[in-house]
PDB file of N, CA and C in Angstrom:
ATOM      1  N   UNK A   1       0.914  -1.422  -0.124  1.00  0.00           N
ATOM      2  CA  UNK A   1       0.010   0.131   0.031  1.00  0.00           C
ATOM      3  C   UNK A   1       0.834   1.380  -0.079  1.00  0.00           C
ATOM      4  N   UNK A   2       1.558   1.260  -1.030  1.00  0.00           N
ATOM      5  CA  UNK A   2       2.562   2.560  -1.065  1.00  0.00           C
ATOM      6  C   UNK A   2       1.783   3.712  -1.366  1.00  0.00           C
ATOM      7  N   UNK A   3       2.126   4.795  -0.439  1.00  0.00           N
ATOM      8  CA  UNK A   3       1.571   5.924  -0.487  1.00  0.00           C
ATOM      9  C   UNK A   3       0.348   6.171   0.464  1.00  0.00           C
ATOM     10  N   UNK A   4      -0.212   5.206   1.205  1.00  0.00           N
ATOM     11  CA  UNK A   4      -1.332   5.079   1.870  1.00  0.00           C
ATOM     12  C   UNK A   4      -1.411   6.286   2.830  1.00  0.00           C
ATOM     13  N   UNK A   5      -0.003   6.154   3.506  1.00  0.00           N
ATOM     14  CA  UNK A   5       0.162   7.198   4.748  1.00  0.00           C
ATOM     15  C   UNK A   5      -0.105   9.059   4.075  1.00  0.00           C
ATOM     16  N   UNK A   6       0.571   8.891   2.967  1.00  0.00           N
ATOM     17  CA  UNK A   6       0.600  10.218   2.503  1.00  0.00           C
ATOM     18  C   UNK A   6      -0.588  10.604   2.075  1.00  0.00           C
ATOM     19  N   UNK A   7      -1.431   9.659   1.333  1.00  0.00           N
ATOM     20  CA  UNK A   7      -2.750   9.873   1.058  1.00  0.00           C
ATOM     21  C   UNK A   7      -3.779  10.321   2.265  1.00  0.00           C
ATOM     22  N   UNK A   8      -3.701   9.651   3.419  1.00  0.00           N
ATOM     23  CA  UNK A   8      -4.439   9.913   4.412  1.00  0.00           C
ATOM     24  C   UNK A   8      -3.786  11.230   5.013  1.00  0.00           C
ATOM     25  N   UNK A   9      -2.577  11.557   5.055  1.00  0.00           N
ATOM     26  CA  UNK A   9      -2.219  13.039   5.530  1.00  0.00           C
ATOM     27  C   UNK A   9      -2.808  14.128   4.659  1.00  0.00           C
ATOM     28  N   UNK A  10      -2.612  13.718   3.480  1.00  0.00           N
ATOM     29  CA  UNK A  10      -3.373  14.912   2.321  1.00  0.00           C
ATOM     30  C   UNK A  10      -4.662  15.043   2.786  1.00  0.00           C
ATOM     31  N   UNK A  11      -5.379  14.114   3.006  1.00  0.00           N
ATOM     32  CA  UNK A  11      -6.945  14.035   3.429  1.00  0.00           C
ATOM     33  C   UNK A  11      -7.145  14.752   4.744  1.00  0.00           C
ATOM     34  N   UNK A  12      -6.137  14.483   5.383  1.00  0.00           N
ATOM     35  CA  UNK A  12      -6.253  15.295   6.729  1.00  0.00           C
ATOM     36  C   UNK A  12      -6.242  16.809   6.817  1.00  0.00           C
ATOM     37  N   UNK A  13      -5.391  17.145   5.663  1.00  0.00           N
ATOM     38  CA  UNK A  13      -5.129  18.552   5.753  1.00  0.00           C
ATOM     39  C   UNK A  13      -6.364  19.427   5.070  1.00  0.00           C
ATOM     40  N   UNK A  14      -6.935  18.695   3.839  1.00  0.00           N
ATOM     41  CA  UNK A  14      -7.964  19.064   3.263  1.00  0.00           C
ATOM     42  C   UNK A  14      -9.266  19.217   4.012  1.00  0.00           C
ATOM     43  N   UNK A  15      -9.330  17.968   4.865  1.00  0.00           N
ATOM     44  CA  UNK A  15     -10.581  17.925   5.822  1.00  0.00           C
ATOM     45  C   UNK A  15     -10.359  18.888   7.067  1.00  0.00           C
ATOM     46  N   UNK A  16      -9.255  19.310   7.538  1.00  0.00           N
ATOM     47  CA  UNK A  16      -8.904  20.556   8.508  1.00  0.00           C
ATOM     48  C   UNK A  16      -9.263  21.678   7.993  1.00  0.00           C
ATOM     49  N   UNK A  17      -9.030  22.148   6.570  1.00  0.00           N
ATOM     50  CA  UNK A  17      -9.385  23.529   6.178  1.00  0.00           C
ATOM     51  C   UNK A  17     -11.014  23.342   5.873  1.00  0.00           C
ATOM     52  N   UNK A  18     -11.585  22.161   5.464  1.00  0.00           N
ATOM     53  CA  UNK A  18     -13.065  22.157   4.916  1.00  0.00           C
ATOM     54  C   UNK A  18     -13.698  22.373   6.238  1.00  0.00           C
ATOM     55  N   UNK A  19     -13.562  21.601   7.490  1.00  0.00           N
ATOM     56  CA  UNK A  19     -14.355  21.282   8.571  1.00  0.00           C
ATOM     57  C   UNK A  19     -14.039  22.824   9.367  1.00  0.00           C
ATOM     58  N   UNK A  20     -13.030  23.440   9.231  1.00  0.00           N
ATOM     59  CA  UNK A  20     -13.061  24.849   9.969  1.00  0.00           C
ATOM     60  C   UNK A  20     -13.795  25.720   9.023  1.00  0.00           C
ATOM     61  N   UNK A  21     -13.729  25.749   7.842  1.00  0.00           N
ATOM     62  CA  UNK A  21     -14.380  26.835   7.110  1.00  0.00           C
ATOM     63  C   UNK A  21     -15.814  26.488   7.311  1.00  0.00           C
ATOM     64  N   UNK A  22     -16.357  25.049   7.178  1.00  0.00           N
ATOM     65  CA  UNK A  22     -17.940  24.832   7.656  1.00  0.00           C
ATOM     66  C   UNK A  22     -18.080  25.324   8.942  1.00  0.00           C
ATOM     67  N   UNK A  23     -17.363  25.309   9.835  1.00  0.00           N
ATOM     68  CA  UNK A  23     -17.794  25.978  11.142  1.00  0.00           C
ATOM     69  C   UNK A  23     -18.124  27.533  10.903  1.00  0.00           C
ATOM     70  N   UNK A  24     -17.106  28.135  10.386  1.00  0.00           N
ATOM     71  CA  UNK A  24     -17.454  29.644   9.839  1.00  0.00           C
ATOM     72  C   UNK A  24     -18.726  29.723   9.208  1.00  0.00           C
ATOM     73  N   UNK A  25     -18.883  28.869   8.379  1.00  0.00           N
ATOM     74  CA  UNK A  25     -19.881  29.293   7.243  1.00  0.00           C
ATOM     75  C   UNK A  25     -21.000  28.898   8.044  1.00  0.00           C
ATOM     76  N   UNK A  26     -21.440  27.858   8.795  1.00  0.00           N
ATOM     77  CA  UNK A  26     -22.653  27.482   9.415  1.00  0.00           C
ATOM     78  C   UNK A  26     -23.062  28.523  10.574  1.00  0.00           C
ATOM     79  N   UNK A  27     -22.129  29.121  11.114  1.00  0.00           N
ATOM     80  CA  UNK A  27     -22.158  29.763  12.165  1.00  0.00           C
ATOM     81  C   UNK A  27     -22.911  31.470  11.600  1.00  0.00           C
ATOM     82  N   UNK A  28     -22.576  31.695  10.387  1.00  0.00           N
ATOM     83  CA  UNK A  28     -22.976  32.736   9.753  1.00  0.00           C
ATOM     84  C   UNK A  28     -24.042  32.640   8.869  1.00  0.00           C
ATOM     85  N   UNK A  29     -24.425  31.428   8.417  1.00  0.00           N
ATOM     86  CA  UNK A  29     -25.343  31.293   7.480  1.00  0.00           C
ATOM     87  C   UNK A  29     -26.417  30.042   7.980  1.00  0.00           C
ATOM     88  N   UNK A  30     -27.415  30.833   8.197  1.00  0.00           N
ATOM     89  CA  UNK A  30     -28.440  29.764   8.877  1.00  0.00           C
ATOM     90  C   UNK A  30     -29.004  28.510   8.059  1.00  0.00           C
ATOM     91  N   UNK A  31     -28.950  28.876   6.638  1.00  0.00           N
ATOM     92  CA  UNK A  31     -29.423  27.736   5.651  1.00  0.00           C
ATOM     93  C   UNK A  31     -28.440  26.701   5.950  1.00  0.00           C
ATOM     94  N   UNK A  32     -27.183  26.689   5.880  1.00  0.00           N
ATOM     95  CA  UNK A  32     -26.161  25.711   6.101  1.00  0.00           C
ATOM     96  C   UNK A  32     -26.418  24.849   7.368  1.00  0.00           C
ATOM     97  N   UNK A  33     -26.476  25.908   8.499  1.00  0.00           N
ATOM     98  CA  UNK A  33     -26.831  25.263   9.973  1.00  0.00           C
ATOM     99  C   UNK A  33     -27.962  24.391   9.738  1.00  0.00           C
ATOM    100  N   UNK A  34     -29.216  24.777   9.162  1.00  0.00           N
ATOM    101  CA  UNK A  34     -30.318  24.006   9.165  1.00  0.00           C
ATOM    102  C   UNK A  34     -30.055  22.652   8.044  1.00  0.00           C
ATOM    103  N   UNK A  35     -29.167  22.743   7.065  1.00  0.00           N
ATOM    104  CA  UNK A  35     -29.040  21.735   6.464  1.00  0.00           C
ATOM    105  C   UNK A  35     -28.259  20.580   7.036  1.00  0.00           C
ATOM    106  N   UNK A  36     -27.298  21.074   7.645  1.00  0.00           N
ATOM    107  CA  UNK A  36     -26.386  20.249   8.601  1.00  0.00           C
ATOM    108  C   UNK A  36     -27.297  19.359   9.590  1.00  0.00           C
ATOM    109  N   UNK A  37     -28.197  20.175  10.387  1.00  0.00           N
ATOM    110  CA  UNK A  37     -29.204  19.902  11.285  1.00  0.00           C
ATOM    111  C   UNK A  37     -30.120  18.724  10.793  1.00  0.00           C
ATOM    112  N   UNK A  38     -30.389  18.785   9.392  1.00  0.00           N
ATOM    113  CA  UNK A  38     -31.418  17.847   8.504  1.00  0.00           C
ATOM    114  C   UNK A  38     -30.548  16.768   8.320  1.00  0.00           C
ATOM    115  N   UNK A  39     -29.253  16.719   8.093  1.00  0.00           N
ATOM    116  CA  UNK A  39     -28.475  15.488   8.005  1.00  0.00           C
ATOM    117  C   UNK A  39     -28.466  14.663   8.940  1.00  0.00           C
ATOM    118  N   UNK A  40     -28.130  15.106   9.991  1.00  0.00           N
ATOM    119  CA  UNK A  40     -28.061  14.325  11.246  1.00  0.00           C
ATOM    120  C   UNK A  40     -28.820  14.437  12.626  1.00  0.00           C
ATOM    121  N   UNK A  41     -29.688  15.324  12.449  1.00  0.00           N
ATOM    122  CA  UNK A  41     -30.488  15.693  13.759  1.00  0.00           C
ATOM    123  C   UNK A  41     -30.082  16.548  14.394  1.00  0.00           C
ATOM    124  N   UNK A  42     -28.726  16.875  14.652  1.00  0.00           N
ATOM    125  CA  UNK A  42     -28.153  18.248  15.150  1.00  0.00           C
ATOM    126  C   UNK A  42     -26.900  18.496  14.283  1.00  0.00           C
ATOM    127  N   UNK A  43     -26.583  20.146  14.200  1.00  0.00           N
ATOM    128  CA  UNK A  43     -25.718  20.560  13.398  1.00  0.00           C
ATOM    129  C   UNK A  43     -24.508  20.042  13.306  1.00  0.00           C
ATOM    130  N   UNK A  44     -24.221  19.604  14.617  1.00  0.00           N
ATOM    131  CA  UNK A  44     -22.564  18.777  14.879  1.00  0.00           C
ATOM    132  C   UNK A  44     -22.400  17.258  14.139  1.00  0.00           C
ATOM    133  N   UNK A  45     -23.739  16.563  14.477  1.00  0.00           N
ATOM    134  CA  UNK A  45     -23.697  15.401  13.586  1.00  0.00           C
ATOM    135  C   UNK A  45     -23.654  15.677  12.400  1.00  0.00           C
ATOM    136  N   UNK A  46     -24.437  16.416  11.852  1.00  0.00           N
ATOM    137  CA  UNK A  46     -24.332  16.545  10.091  1.00  0.00           C
ATOM    138  C   UNK A  46     -22.891  17.044   9.961  1.00  0.00           C
ATOM    139  N   UNK A  47     -22.270  17.829  10.501  1.00  0.00           N
ATOM    140  CA  UNK A  47     -20.947  18.184  10.155  1.00  0.00           C
ATOM    141  C   UNK A  47     -20.124  17.064  10.390  1.00  0.00           C
ATOM    142  N   UNK A  48     -20.292  16.541  11.281  1.00  0.00           N
ATOM    143  CA  UNK A  48     -19.373  14.926  11.297  1.00  0.00           C
ATOM    144  C   UNK A  48     -19.664  14.108  10.215  1.00  0.00           C
ATOM    145  N   UNK A  49     -20.911  14.022   9.676  1.00  0.00           N
ATOM    146  CA  UNK A  49     -20.936  13.164   8.480  1.00  0.00           C
ATOM    147  C   UNK A  49     -20.589  13.442   7.461  1.00  0.00           C
ATOM    148  N   UNK A  50     -20.802  14.899   7.070  1.00  0.00           N
ATOM    149  CA  UNK A  50     -20.234  15.466   5.968  1.00  0.00           C
ATOM    150  C   UNK A  50     -18.810  15.694   5.788  1.00  0.00           C
ATOM    151  N   UNK A  51     -18.186  15.794   7.093  1.00  0.00           N
ATOM    152  CA  UNK A  51     -16.615  15.822   6.951  1.00  0.00           C
ATOM    153  C   UNK A  51     -16.066  14.500   7.031  1.00  0.00           C
ATOM    154  N   UNK A  52     -16.488  13.388   7.287  1.00  0.00           N
ATOM    155  CA  UNK A  52     -16.172  12.075   7.119  1.00  0.00           C
ATOM    156  C   UNK A  52     -16.344  11.587   5.748  1.00  0.00           C
ATOM    157  N   UNK A  53     -17.301  12.072   5.062  1.00  0.00           N
ATOM    158  CA  UNK A  53     -17.317  11.854   3.796  1.00  0.00           C
ATOM    159  C   UNK A  53     -16.438  12.542   2.913  1.00  0.00           C
ATOM    160  N   UNK A  54     -16.156  13.676   3.370  1.00  0.00           N
ATOM    161  CA  UNK A  54     -14.936  14.595   2.436  1.00  0.00           C
ATOM    162  C   UNK A  54     -13.643  13.892   2.811  1.00  0.00           C
ATOM    163  N   UNK A  55     -13.476  13.242   3.969  1.00  0.00           N
ATOM    164  CA  UNK A  55     -12.171  12.823   4.391  1.00  0.00           C
ATOM    165  C   UNK A  55     -12.105  11.480   3.691  1.00  0.00           C
ATOM    166  N   UNK A  56     -13.000  10.594   3.479  1.00  0.00           N
ATOM    167  CA  UNK A  56     -12.767   9.247   2.645  1.00  0.00           C
ATOM    168  C   UNK A  56     -12.594   9.707   1.496  1.00  0.00           C
ATOM    169  N   UNK A  57     -13.467  10.558   0.568  1.00  0.00           N
ATOM    170  CA  UNK A  57     -13.279  10.874  -0.722  1.00  0.00           C
ATOM    171  C   UNK A  57     -11.713  11.283  -0.967  1.00  0.00           C
ATOM    172  N   UNK A  58     -11.474  12.385  -0.338  1.00  0.00           N
ATOM    173  CA  UNK A  58     -10.145  12.886  -0.359  1.00  0.00           C
ATOM    174  C   UNK A  58      -8.881  11.759  -0.214  1.00  0.00           C
ATOM    175  N   UNK A  59      -9.265  10.595   0.625  1.00  0.00           N
ATOM    176  CA  UNK A  59      -8.281   9.805   0.872  1.00  0.00           C
ATOM    177  C   UNK A  59      -8.232   8.866  -0.620  1.00  0.00           C
ATOM    178  N   UNK A  60      -9.376   8.577  -1.079  1.00  0.00           N
ATOM    179  CA  UNK A  60      -9.286   7.777  -2.191  1.00  0.00           C
ATOM    180  C   UNK A  60      -8.461   8.723  -3.541  1.00  0.00           C
ATOM    181  N   UNK A  61      -8.905   9.722  -3.423  1.00  0.00           N
ATOM    182  CA  UNK A  61      -8.609  10.772  -4.572  1.00  0.00           C
ATOM    183  C   UNK A  61      -7.163  10.937  -4.474  1.00  0.00           C
ATOM    184  N   UNK A  62      -6.547  11.192  -3.318  1.00  0.00           N
ATOM    185  CA  UNK A  62      -5.157  11.526  -3.006  1.00  0.00           C
ATOM    186  C   UNK A  62      -4.228  10.188  -3.510  1.00  0.00           C
ATOM    187  N   UNK A  63      -4.990   9.002  -2.971  1.00  0.00           N
ATOM    188  CA  UNK A  63      -4.211   7.862  -3.238  1.00  0.00           C
ATOM    189  C   UNK A  63      -3.993   7.331  -4.588  1.00  0.00           C
ATOM    190  N   UNK A  64      -5.303   7.376  -5.210  1.00  0.00           N
ATOM    191  CA  UNK A  64      -5.271   6.833  -6.699  1.00  0.00           C
ATOM    192  C   UNK A  64      -4.874   8.252  -7.672  1.00  0.00           C
ATOM    193  N   UNK A  65      -4.971   9.400  -7.115  1.00  0.00           N
ATOM    194  CA  UNK A  65      -4.576  10.245  -8.039  1.00  0.00           C
ATOM    195  C   UNK A  65      -2.918  10.555  -8.264  1.00  0.00           C
ATOM    196  N   UNK A  66      -2.517  10.449  -7.031  1.00  0.00           N
ATOM    197  CA  UNK A  66      -1.042  11.004  -6.840  1.00  0.00           C
ATOM    198  C   UNK A  66      -0.163  10.184  -5.938  1.00  0.00           C
ATOM    199  N   UNK A  67      -0.628   9.811  -4.784  1.00  0.00           N
ATOM    200  CA  UNK A  67       0.154   9.335  -3.773  1.00  0.00           C
ATOM    201  C   UNK A  67       0.722   8.057  -4.187  1.00  0.00           C
ATOM    202  N   UNK A  68      -0.395   7.144  -4.623  1.00  0.00           N
ATOM    203  CA  UNK A  68       0.383   5.618  -5.093  1.00  0.00           C
ATOM    204  C   UNK A  68       1.419   5.831  -6.434  1.00  0.00           C
ATOM    205  N   UNK A  69       1.662   6.758  -7.019  1.00  0.00           N
ATOM    206  CA  UNK A  69       2.580   6.864  -8.283  1.00  0.00           C
ATOM    207  C   UNK A  69       3.733   7.609  -7.891  1.00  0.00           C
ATOM    208  N   UNK A  70       3.669   8.391  -6.697  1.00  0.00           N
ATOM    209  CA  UNK A  70       4.613   9.462  -6.511  1.00  0.00           C
ATOM    210  C   UNK A  70       5.167   9.304  -5.284  1.00  0.00           C
ATOM    211  N   UNK A  71       6.338   9.268  -4.978  1.00  0.00           N
ATOM    212  CA  UNK A  71       7.236   9.151  -3.529  1.00  0.00           C
ATOM    213  C   UNK A  71       6.998  10.525  -2.893  1.00  0.00           C
ATOM    214  N   UNK A  72       6.341  10.483  -1.972  1.00  0.00           N
ATOM    215  CA  UNK A  72       5.902  11.595  -0.854  1.00  0.00           C
ATOM    216  C   UNK A  72       6.462  11.527   0.473  1.00  0.00           C
ATOM    217  N   UNK A  73       6.927  12.348   1.054  1.00  0.00           N
ATOM    218  CA  UNK A  73       7.651  12.234   2.351  1.00  0.00           C
ATOM    219  C   UNK A  73       6.432  12.472   3.253  1.00  0.00           C
ATOM    220  N   UNK A  74       6.339  11.278   3.778  1.00  0.00           N
ATOM    221  CA  UNK A  74       4.958  11.582   4.685  1.00  0.00           C
ATOM    222  C   UNK A  74       5.459  12.425   6.048  1.00  0.00           C
ATOM    223  N   UNK A  75       6.456  12.556   6.451  1.00  0.00           N
ATOM    224  CA  UNK A  75       7.099  13.593   7.484  1.00  0.00           C
ATOM    225  C   UNK A  75       7.188  14.981   7.007  1.00  0.00           C
ATOM    226  N   UNK A  76       7.270  15.070   5.903  1.00  0.00           N
ATOM    227  CA  UNK A  76       7.076  16.594   5.589  1.00  0.00           C
ATOM    228  C   UNK A  76       5.629  16.818   5.627  1.00  0.00           C
ATOM    229  N   UNK A  77       4.841  15.852   4.984  1.00  0.00           N
ATOM    230  CA  UNK A  77       3.497  16.132   4.888  1.00  0.00           C
ATOM    231  C   UNK A  77       2.823  16.588   6.444  1.00  0.00           C
ATOM    232  N   UNK A  78       3.393  15.797   7.382  1.00  0.00           N
ATOM    233  CA  UNK A  78       2.961  15.453   8.738  1.00  0.00           C
ATOM    234  C   UNK A  78       3.294  17.287   9.184  1.00  0.00           C
ATOM    235  N   UNK A  79       4.303  17.730   8.790  1.00  0.00           N
ATOM    236  CA  UNK A  79       4.663  19.103   9.252  1.00  0.00           C
ATOM    237  C   UNK A  79       3.718  20.127   8.696  1.00  0.00           C
ATOM    238  N   UNK A  80       3.384  19.798   7.600  1.00  0.00           N
ATOM    239  CA  UNK A  80       2.452  20.772   6.641  1.00  0.00           C
ATOM    240  C   UNK A  80       0.967  20.696   7.442  1.00  0.00           C
ATOM    241  N   UNK A  81       0.668  19.353   7.643  1.00  0.00           N
ATOM    242  CA  UNK A  81      -0.500  18.974   8.401  1.00  0.00           C
ATOM    243  C   UNK A  81      -0.602  19.830   9.637  1.00  0.00           C
ATOM    244  N   UNK A  82       0.320  19.637  10.618  1.00  0.00           N
ATOM    245  CA  UNK A  82       0.353  20.224  11.974  1.00  0.00           C
ATOM    246  C   UNK A  82       0.325  21.883  11.853  1.00  0.00           C
ATOM    247  N   UNK A  83       0.915  22.356  10.682  1.00  0.00           N
ATOM    248  CA  UNK A  83       0.866  23.739  10.577  1.00  0.00           C
ATOM    249  C   UNK A  83      -0.592  24.112  10.344  1.00  0.00           C
ATOM    250  N   UNK A  84      -1.084  23.626   9.249  1.00  0.00           N
ATOM    251  CA  UNK A  84      -2.409  23.905   8.697  1.00  0.00           C
ATOM    252  C   UNK A  84      -3.682  23.871  10.077  1.00  0.00           C
ATOM    253  N   UNK A  85      -3.445  22.467  10.815  1.00  0.00           N
ATOM    254  CA  UNK A  85      -4.005  22.693  12.074  1.00  0.00           C
ATOM    255  C   UNK A  85      -4.172  23.547  13.012  1.00  0.00           C
ATOM    256  N   UNK A  86      -2.730  24.067  13.301  1.00  0.00           N
ATOM    257  CA  UNK A  86      -2.694  25.134  14.044  1.00  0.00           C
ATOM    258  C   UNK A  86      -3.230  26.661  13.759  1.00  0.00           C
ATOM    259  N   UNK A  87      -3.286  26.532  12.237  1.00  0.00           N
ATOM    260  CA  UNK A  87      -3.709  27.875  11.657  1.00  0.00           C
ATOM    261  C   UNK A  87      -5.285  27.720  11.601  1.00  0.00           C
ATOM    262  N   UNK A  88      -5.693  26.609  11.330  1.00  0.00           N
ATOM    263  CA  UNK A  88      -7.108  26.688  11.190  1.00  0.00           C
ATOM    264  C   UNK A  88      -7.726  26.836  12.782  1.00  0.00           C
ATOM    265  N   UNK A  89      -7.236  26.126  13.788  1.00  0.00           N
ATOM    266  CA  UNK A  89      -7.541  26.400  15.052  1.00  0.00           C
ATOM    267  C   UNK A  89      -7.687  27.431  15.299  1.00  0.00           C
ATOM    268  N   UNK A  90      -6.519  28.218  15.185  1.00  0.00           N
ATOM    269  CA  UNK A  90      -6.595  29.696  15.683  1.00  0.00           C
ATOM    270  C   UNK A  90      -7.575  30.656  14.856  1.00  0.00           C
ATOM    271  N   UNK A  91      -7.810  30.286  13.907  1.00  0.00           N
ATOM    272  CA  UNK A  91      -8.903  30.900  12.994  1.00  0.00           C
ATOM    273  C   UNK A  91     -10.296  31.005  13.785  1.00  0.00           C
ATOM    274  N   UNK A  92     -10.484  29.414  13.839  1.00  0.00           N
ATOM    275  CA  UNK A  92     -11.875  29.441  14.679  1.00  0.00           C
ATOM    276  C   UNK A  92     -11.888  30.080  16.180  1.00  0.00           C
ATOM    277  N   UNK A  93     -10.960  29.976  16.794  1.00  0.00           N
ATOM    278  CA  UNK A  93     -10.795  30.580  17.805  1.00  0.00           C
ATOM    279  C   UNK A  93     -11.059  32.025  17.839  1.00  0.00           C
ATOM    280  N   UNK A  94     -10.308  32.713  17.182  1.00  0.00           N
ATOM    281  CA  UNK A  94     -10.382  33.905  16.734  1.00  0.00           C
ATOM    282  C   UNK A  94     -11.666  34.607  16.215  1.00  0.00           C
ATOM    283  N   UNK A  95     -12.340  33.669  15.370  1.00  0.00           N
ATOM    284  CA  UNK A  95     -13.875  33.945  15.117  1.00  0.00           C
ATOM    285  C   UNK A  95     -14.824  34.186  16.210  1.00  0.00           C
ATOM    286  N   UNK A  96     -14.643  32.845  17.157  1.00  0.00           N
ATOM    287  CA  UNK A  96     -15.454  32.938  18.178  1.00  0.00           C
ATOM    288  C   UNK A  96     -15.223  34.100  19.325  1.00  0.00           C
ATOM    289  N   UNK A  97     -13.731  34.338  19.447  1.00  0.00           N
ATOM    290  CA  UNK A  97     -13.475  35.596  20.384  1.00  0.00           C
ATOM    291  C   UNK A  97     -14.008  36.720  20.000  1.00  0.00           C
ATOM    292  N   UNK A  98     -14.057  36.922  18.609  1.00  0.00           N
ATOM    293  CA  UNK A  98     -14.587  37.947  17.950  1.00  0.00           C
ATOM    294  C   UNK A  98     -16.267  38.289  18.249  1.00  0.00           C
ATOM    295  N   UNK A  99     -17.099  37.356  18.405  1.00  0.00           N
ATOM    296  CA  UNK A  99     -18.249  37.386  18.527  1.00  0.00           C
ATOM    297  C   UNK A  99     -18.641  37.870  20.054  1.00  0.00           C
ATOM    298  N   UNK A 100     -17.882  37.752  20.939  1.00  0.00           N
ATOM    299  CA  UNK A 100     -17.924  38.152  22.309  1.00  0.00           C
ATOM    300  C   UNK A 100     -17.574  39.241  22.486  1.00  0.00           C
TER     301      UNK A 100
END
């Protein structure tokens, strides 16, 4: 399974950005909030379902589209992932701090 670790990390990066943007959008757009609520009964359940689907889809896309054919250093990707996670976390914290 050459490239699976890299594909999973790429999917993590995409999902971190997607999930954080979804938090910001659903908190400012009632239609998105209600759509997520309709998916899973609660907006966080819907958020989790959509995010899981995006993660699985991007794992498959990254694996078959790139990672299985090209040697990618998963350690460098992990550094990128950690950086993205920190930036996205700060963005959400900043957003909610600005509301108070």
